[in-house]
Structure formats: structure tokens, C-alpha cells
Amino acid sequence: MRADQEHAILAVHVRGIDGMCVGCRAWWSRLAPYPCWQLDWATSRRARTITTRILGGVR
């Protein structure tokens, strides 16, 4: 996955007025509770990228 795909997921999968994920409803017509698994994935992926950048790849 590319970073721009993560950004797209983070931008679209937001909480709706009813507490459901707007991106899941718009893209797949699913009533998924917020945060959905796509948002969880994108958030963890971004956190890993930021941590790696800060630590300089050191594990």
C-alpha cells in the first residue's frame, strides 16, 4: 500500500452524525460502526511510518 492510499482512507472514513463510518456507507453501502477496520488499519500504518521515521529505522 502507498501512503496516498492511507491518506484517502483517513480522509473519507470519518464519524457520521449517527456514529457510523461515512466512508463505509459511501463506498460499500455498509453500516459499519466508527472506527471501522479500514480506519484502524490506516491509523496503525501511519503510526508505524512515523515511528520508523523518528527512530531512523532502528529497531
PDB file of N, CA and C in Angstrom:
ATOM      1  N   MET A   1       0.840  -1.179   0.000  1.00  0.00           N
ATOM      2  CA  MET A   1       0.000   0.000   0.000  1.00  0.00           C
ATOM      3  C   MET A   1       0.883   1.239   0.000  1.00  0.00           C
ATOM      4  N   ARG A   2       0.398   2.247  -0.651  1.00  0.00           N
ATOM      5  CA  ARG A   2       1.125   3.509  -0.728  1.00  0.00           C
ATOM      6  C   ARG A   2       0.566   4.497   0.296  1.00  0.00           C
ATOM      7  N   ALA A   3       1.363   5.491   0.599  1.00  0.00           N
ATOM      8  CA  ALA A   3       0.963   6.481   1.596  1.00  0.00           C
ATOM      9  C   ALA A   3      -0.285   7.248   1.156  1.00  0.00           C
ATOM     10  N   ASP A   4      -0.442   7.477  -0.156  1.00  0.00           N
ATOM     11  CA  ASP A   4      -1.618   8.216  -0.609  1.00  0.00           C
ATOM     12  C   ASP A   4      -2.900   7.426  -0.399  1.00  0.00           C
ATOM     13  N   GLN A   5      -2.803   6.096  -0.410  1.00  0.00           N
ATOM     14  CA  GLN A   5      -3.978   5.281  -0.117  1.00  0.00           C
ATOM     15  C   GLN A   5      -4.370   5.405   1.351  1.00  0.00           C
ATOM     16  N   GLU A   6      -3.386   5.470   2.222  1.00  0.00           N
ATOM     17  CA  GLU A   6      -3.668   5.673   3.647  1.00  0.00           C
ATOM     18  C   GLU A   6      -4.336   7.019   3.869  1.00  0.00           C
ATOM     19  N   HIS A   7      -3.837   8.040   3.193  1.00  0.00           N
ATOM     20  CA  HIS A   7      -4.424   9.377   3.317  1.00  0.00           C
ATOM     21  C   HIS A   7      -5.868   9.392   2.838  1.00  0.00           C
ATOM     22  N   ALA A   8      -6.149   8.682   1.750  1.00  0.00           N
ATOM     23  CA  ALA A   8      -7.522   8.625   1.231  1.00  0.00           C
ATOM     24  C   ALA A   8      -8.448   7.961   2.235  1.00  0.00           C
ATOM     25  N   ILE A   9      -8.000   6.889   2.850  1.00  0.00           N
ATOM     26  CA  ILE A   9      -8.822   6.191   3.844  1.00  0.00           C
ATOM     27  C   ILE A   9      -9.068   7.090   5.052  1.00  0.00           C
ATOM     28  N   LEU A  10      -8.004   7.756   5.530  1.00  0.00           N
ATOM     29  CA  LEU A  10      -8.155   8.633   6.689  1.00  0.00           C
ATOM     30  C   LEU A  10      -9.066   9.818   6.391  1.00  0.00           C
ATOM     31  N   ALA A  11      -9.049  10.292   5.157  1.00  0.00           N
ATOM     32  CA  ALA A  11      -9.870  11.450   4.797  1.00  0.00           C
ATOM     33  C   ALA A  11     -11.344  11.094   4.669  1.00  0.00           C
ATOM     34  N   VAL A  12     -11.651   9.894   4.205  1.00  0.00           N
ATOM     35  CA  VAL A  12     -13.035   9.528   3.908  1.00  0.00           C
ATOM     36  C   VAL A  12     -13.722   8.816   5.068  1.00  0.00           C
ATOM     37  N   HIS A  13     -12.983   8.001   5.803  1.00  0.00           N
ATOM     38  CA  HIS A  13     -13.591   7.221   6.880  1.00  0.00           C
ATOM     39  C   HIS A  13     -13.629   8.051   8.156  1.00  0.00           C
ATOM     40  N   VAL A  14     -14.658   8.859   8.268  1.00  0.00           N
ATOM     41  CA  VAL A  14     -14.871   9.728   9.428  1.00  0.00           C
ATOM     42  C   VAL A  14     -16.206   9.371  10.080  1.00  0.00           C
ATOM     43  N   ARG A  15     -16.374   9.829  11.302  1.00  0.00           N
ATOM     44  CA  ARG A  15     -17.609   9.548  12.034  1.00  0.00           C
ATOM     45  C   ARG A  15     -18.755  10.388  11.481  1.00  0.00           C
ATOM     46  N   GLY A  16     -19.859   9.731  11.200  1.00  0.00           N
ATOM     47  CA  GLY A  16     -21.057  10.431  10.763  1.00  0.00           C
ATOM     48  C   GLY A  16     -21.875  10.908  11.950  1.00  0.00           C
ATOM     49  N   ILE A  17     -22.930  11.621  11.695  1.00  0.00           N
ATOM     50  CA  ILE A  17     -23.803  12.138  12.751  1.00  0.00           C
ATOM     51  C   ILE A  17     -24.385  11.005  13.594  1.00  0.00           C
ATOM     52  N   ASP A  18     -24.661   9.881  12.948  1.00  0.00           N
ATOM     53  CA  ASP A  18     -25.261   8.742  13.639  1.00  0.00           C
ATOM     54  C   ASP A  18     -24.245   7.811  14.289  1.00  0.00           C
ATOM     55  N   GLY A  19     -22.935   8.161  14.226  1.00  0.00           N
ATOM     56  CA  GLY A  19     -21.898   7.336  14.833  1.00  0.00           C
ATOM     57  C   GLY A  19     -21.382   6.241  13.926  1.00  0.00           C
ATOM     58  N   MET A  20     -21.863   6.192  12.699  1.00  0.00           N
ATOM     59  CA  MET A  20     -21.408   5.196  11.739  1.00  0.00           C
ATOM     60  C   MET A  20     -20.318   5.788  10.847  1.00  0.00           C
ATOM     61  N   CYS A  21     -19.526   4.923  10.223  1.00  0.00           N
ATOM     62  CA  CYS A  21     -18.445   5.345   9.345  1.00  0.00           C
ATOM     63  C   CYS A  21     -19.009   5.831   8.013  1.00  0.00           C
ATOM     64  N   VAL A  22     -18.696   7.070   7.667  1.00  0.00           N
ATOM     65  CA  VAL A  22     -19.203   7.671   6.435  1.00  0.00           C
ATOM     66  C   VAL A  22     -18.596   6.996   5.211  1.00  0.00           C
ATOM     67  N   GLY A  23     -17.304   6.673   5.248  1.00  0.00           N
ATOM     68  CA  GLY A  23     -16.643   6.036   4.111  1.00  0.00           C
ATOM     69  C   GLY A  23     -17.202   4.664   3.795  1.00  0.00           C
ATOM     70  N   CYS A  24     -17.483   3.867   4.813  1.00  0.00           N
ATOM     71  CA  CYS A  24     -18.055   2.532   4.584  1.00  0.00           C
ATOM     72  C   CYS A  24     -19.444   2.644   3.958  1.00  0.00           C
ATOM     73  N   ARG A  25     -20.212   3.607   4.419  1.00  0.00           N
ATOM     74  CA  ARG A  25     -21.554   3.796   3.860  1.00  0.00           C
ATOM     75  C   ARG A  25     -21.485   4.260   2.414  1.00  0.00           C
ATOM     76  N   ALA A  26     -20.581   5.186   2.108  1.00  0.00           N
ATOM     77  CA  ALA A  26     -20.483   5.738   0.756  1.00  0.00           C
ATOM     78  C   ALA A  26     -19.890   4.735  -0.231  1.00  0.00           C
ATOM     79  N   TRP A  27     -18.850   4.007   0.180  1.00  0.00           N
ATOM     80  CA  TRP A  27     -18.153   3.127  -0.756  1.00  0.00           C
ATOM     81  C   TRP A  27     -18.800   1.760  -0.882  1.00  0.00           C
ATOM     82  N   TRP A  28     -19.300   1.187   0.228  1.00  0.00           N
ATOM     83  CA  TRP A  28     -19.800  -0.186   0.189  1.00  0.00           C
ATOM     84  C   TRP A  28     -21.231  -0.334   0.667  1.00  0.00           C
ATOM     85  N   SER A  29     -21.903   0.745   0.966  1.00  0.00           N
ATOM     86  CA  SER A  29     -23.277   0.719   1.491  1.00  0.00           C
ATOM     87  C   SER A  29     -23.382  -0.155   2.741  1.00  0.00           C
ATOM     88  N   ARG A  30     -22.376  -0.061   3.593  1.00  0.00           N
ATOM     89  CA  ARG A  30     -22.363  -0.815   4.850  1.00  0.00           C
ATOM     90  C   ARG A  30     -22.558   0.128   6.021  1.00  0.00           C
ATOM     91  N   LEU A  31     -23.321  -0.307   6.985  1.00  0.00           N
ATOM     92  CA  LEU A  31     -23.461   0.443   8.232  1.00  0.00           C
ATOM     93  C   LEU A  31     -22.425  -0.100   9.218  1.00  0.00           C
ATOM     94  N   ALA A  32     -21.216   0.416   9.119  1.00  0.00           N
ATOM     95  CA  ALA A  32     -20.133  -0.030   9.982  1.00  0.00           C
ATOM     96  C   ALA A  32     -19.942   0.986  11.104  1.00  0.00           C
ATOM     97  N   PRO A  33     -19.789   0.508  12.335  1.00  0.00           N
ATOM     98  CA  PRO A  33     -19.552   1.444  13.440  1.00  0.00           C
ATOM     99  C   PRO A  33     -18.188   2.115  13.290  1.00  0.00           C
ATOM    100  N   TYR A  34     -18.104   3.319  13.782  1.00  0.00           N
ATOM    101  CA  TYR A  34     -16.857   4.072  13.730  1.00  0.00           C
ATOM    102  C   TYR A  34     -16.062   3.793  14.991  1.00  0.00           C
ATOM    103  N   PRO A  35     -14.790   3.544  14.978  1.00  0.00           N
ATOM    104  CA  PRO A  35     -13.905   3.433  13.830  1.00  0.00           C
ATOM    105  C   PRO A  35     -14.013   2.060  13.181  1.00  0.00           C
ATOM    106  N   CYS A  36     -14.020   2.037  11.873  1.00  0.00           N
ATOM    107  CA  CYS A  36     -14.113   0.784  11.121  1.00  0.00           C
ATOM    108  C   CYS A  36     -12.719   0.166  10.997  1.00  0.00           C
ATOM    109  N   TRP A  37     -12.664  -1.045  10.461  1.00  0.00           N
ATOM    110  CA  TRP A  37     -11.376  -1.725  10.377  1.00  0.00           C
ATOM    111  C   TRP A  37     -10.448  -1.060   9.370  1.00  0.00           C
ATOM    112  N   GLN A  38     -10.975  -0.398   8.342  1.00  0.00           N
ATOM    113  CA  GLN A  38     -10.105   0.304   7.403  1.00  0.00           C
ATOM    114  C   GLN A  38      -9.408   1.474   8.091  1.00  0.00           C
ATOM    115  N   LEU A  39     -10.145   2.204   8.917  1.00  0.00           N
ATOM    116  CA  LEU A  39      -9.561   3.324   9.645  1.00  0.00           C
ATOM    117  C   LEU A  39      -8.535   2.829  10.663  1.00  0.00           C
ATOM    118  N   ASP A  40      -8.835   1.737  11.340  1.00  0.00           N
ATOM    119  CA  ASP A  40      -7.867   1.161  12.277  1.00  0.00           C
ATOM    120  C   ASP A  40      -6.573   0.794  11.566  1.00  0.00           C
ATOM    121  N   TRP A  41      -6.698   0.181  10.383  1.00  0.00           N
ATOM    122  CA  TRP A  41      -5.527  -0.210   9.611  1.00  0.00           C
ATOM    123  C   TRP A  41      -4.710   1.012   9.196  1.00  0.00           C
ATOM    124  N   ALA A  42      -5.371   2.016   8.632  1.00  0.00           N
ATOM    125  CA  ALA A  42      -4.668   3.204   8.150  1.00  0.00           C
ATOM    126  C   ALA A  42      -4.000   3.955   9.293  1.00  0.00           C
ATOM    127  N   THR A  43      -4.655   4.029  10.446  1.00  0.00           N
ATOM    128  CA  THR A  43      -4.086   4.706  11.608  1.00  0.00           C
ATOM    129  C   THR A  43      -2.846   3.982  12.113  1.00  0.00           C
ATOM    130  N   SER A  44      -2.911   2.651  12.215  1.00  0.00           N
ATOM    131  CA  SER A  44      -1.754   1.895  12.689  1.00  0.00           C
ATOM    132  C   SER A  44      -0.610   1.960  11.689  1.00  0.00           C
ATOM    133  N   ARG A  45      -0.932   1.954  10.418  1.00  0.00           N
ATOM    134  CA  ARG A  45       0.083   2.049   9.365  1.00  0.00           C
ATOM    135  C   ARG A  45       0.792   3.403   9.422  1.00  0.00           C
ATOM    136  N   ARG A  46       0.021   4.462   9.617  1.00  0.00           N
ATOM    137  CA  ARG A  46       0.612   5.804   9.726  1.00  0.00           C
ATOM    138  C   ARG A  46       1.485   5.893  10.972  1.00  0.00           C
ATOM    139  N   ALA A  47       1.025   5.323  12.080  1.00  0.00           N
ATOM    140  CA  ALA A  47       1.813   5.355  13.320  1.00  0.00           C
ATOM    141  C   ALA A  47       3.136   4.615  13.137  1.00  0.00           C
ATOM    142  N   ARG A  48       3.104   3.477  12.442  1.00  0.00           N
ATOM    143  CA  ARG A  48       4.334   2.739  12.187  1.00  0.00           C
ATOM    144  C   ARG A  48       5.301   3.546  11.321  1.00  0.00           C
ATOM    145  N   THR A  49       4.774   4.215  10.311  1.00  0.00           N
ATOM    146  CA  THR A  49       5.604   5.023   9.425  1.00  0.00           C
ATOM    147  C   THR A  49       6.249   6.172  10.180  1.00  0.00           C
ATOM    148  N   ILE A  50       5.475   6.851  11.021  1.00  0.00           N
ATOM    149  CA  ILE A  50       6.005   7.970  11.798  1.00  0.00           C
ATOM    150  C   ILE A  50       7.060   7.491  12.787  1.00  0.00           C
ATOM    151  N   THR A  51       6.804   6.380  13.456  1.00  0.00           N
ATOM    152  CA  THR A  51       7.762   5.836  14.419  1.00  0.00           C
ATOM    153  C   THR A  51       9.057   5.450  13.732  1.00  0.00           C
ATOM    154  N   THR A  52       8.966   4.806  12.586  1.00  0.00           N
ATOM    155  CA  THR A  52      10.162   4.430  11.840  1.00  0.00           C
ATOM    156  C   THR A  52      10.940   5.660  11.401  1.00  0.00           C
ATOM    157  N   ARG A  53      10.241   6.685  10.966  1.00  0.00           N
ATOM    158  CA  ARG A  53      10.904   7.923  10.542  1.00  0.00           C
ATOM    159  C   ARG A  53      11.623   8.589  11.709  1.00  0.00           C
ATOM    160  N   ILE A  54      10.987   8.619  12.878  1.00  0.00           N
ATOM    161  CA  ILE A  54      11.598   9.260  14.052  1.00  0.00           C
ATOM    162  C   ILE A  54      12.809   8.472  14.546  1.00  0.00           C
ATOM    163  N   LEU A  55      12.683   7.148  14.593  1.00  0.00           N
ATOM    164  CA  LEU A  55      13.767   6.322  15.098  1.00  0.00           C
ATOM    165  C   LEU A  55      14.840   6.072  14.050  1.00  0.00           C
ATOM    166  N   GLY A  56      14.593   6.457  12.828  1.00  0.00           N
ATOM    167  CA  GLY A  56      15.592   6.297  11.783  1.00  0.00           C
ATOM    168  C   GLY A  56      15.772   4.848  11.347  1.00  0.00           C
ATOM    169  N   GLY A  57      14.739   4.040  11.494  1.00  0.00           N
ATOM    170  CA  GLY A  57      14.825   2.655  11.059  1.00  0.00           C
ATOM    171  C   GLY A  57      15.480   1.740  12.079  1.00  0.00           C
ATOM    172  N   VAL A  58      15.856   2.251  13.242  1.00  0.00           N
ATOM    173  CA  VAL A  58      16.495   1.437  14.285  1.00  0.00           C
ATOM    174  C   VAL A  58      15.431   0.659  15.030  1.00  0.00           C
ATOM    175  N   ARG A  59      15.680  -0.623  15.229  1.00  0.00           N
ATOM    176  CA  ARG A  59      14.721  -1.451  15.977  1.00  0.00           C
ATOM    177  C   ARG A  59      15.336  -1.944  17.244  1.00  0.00           C
TER     178      ARG A  59
END
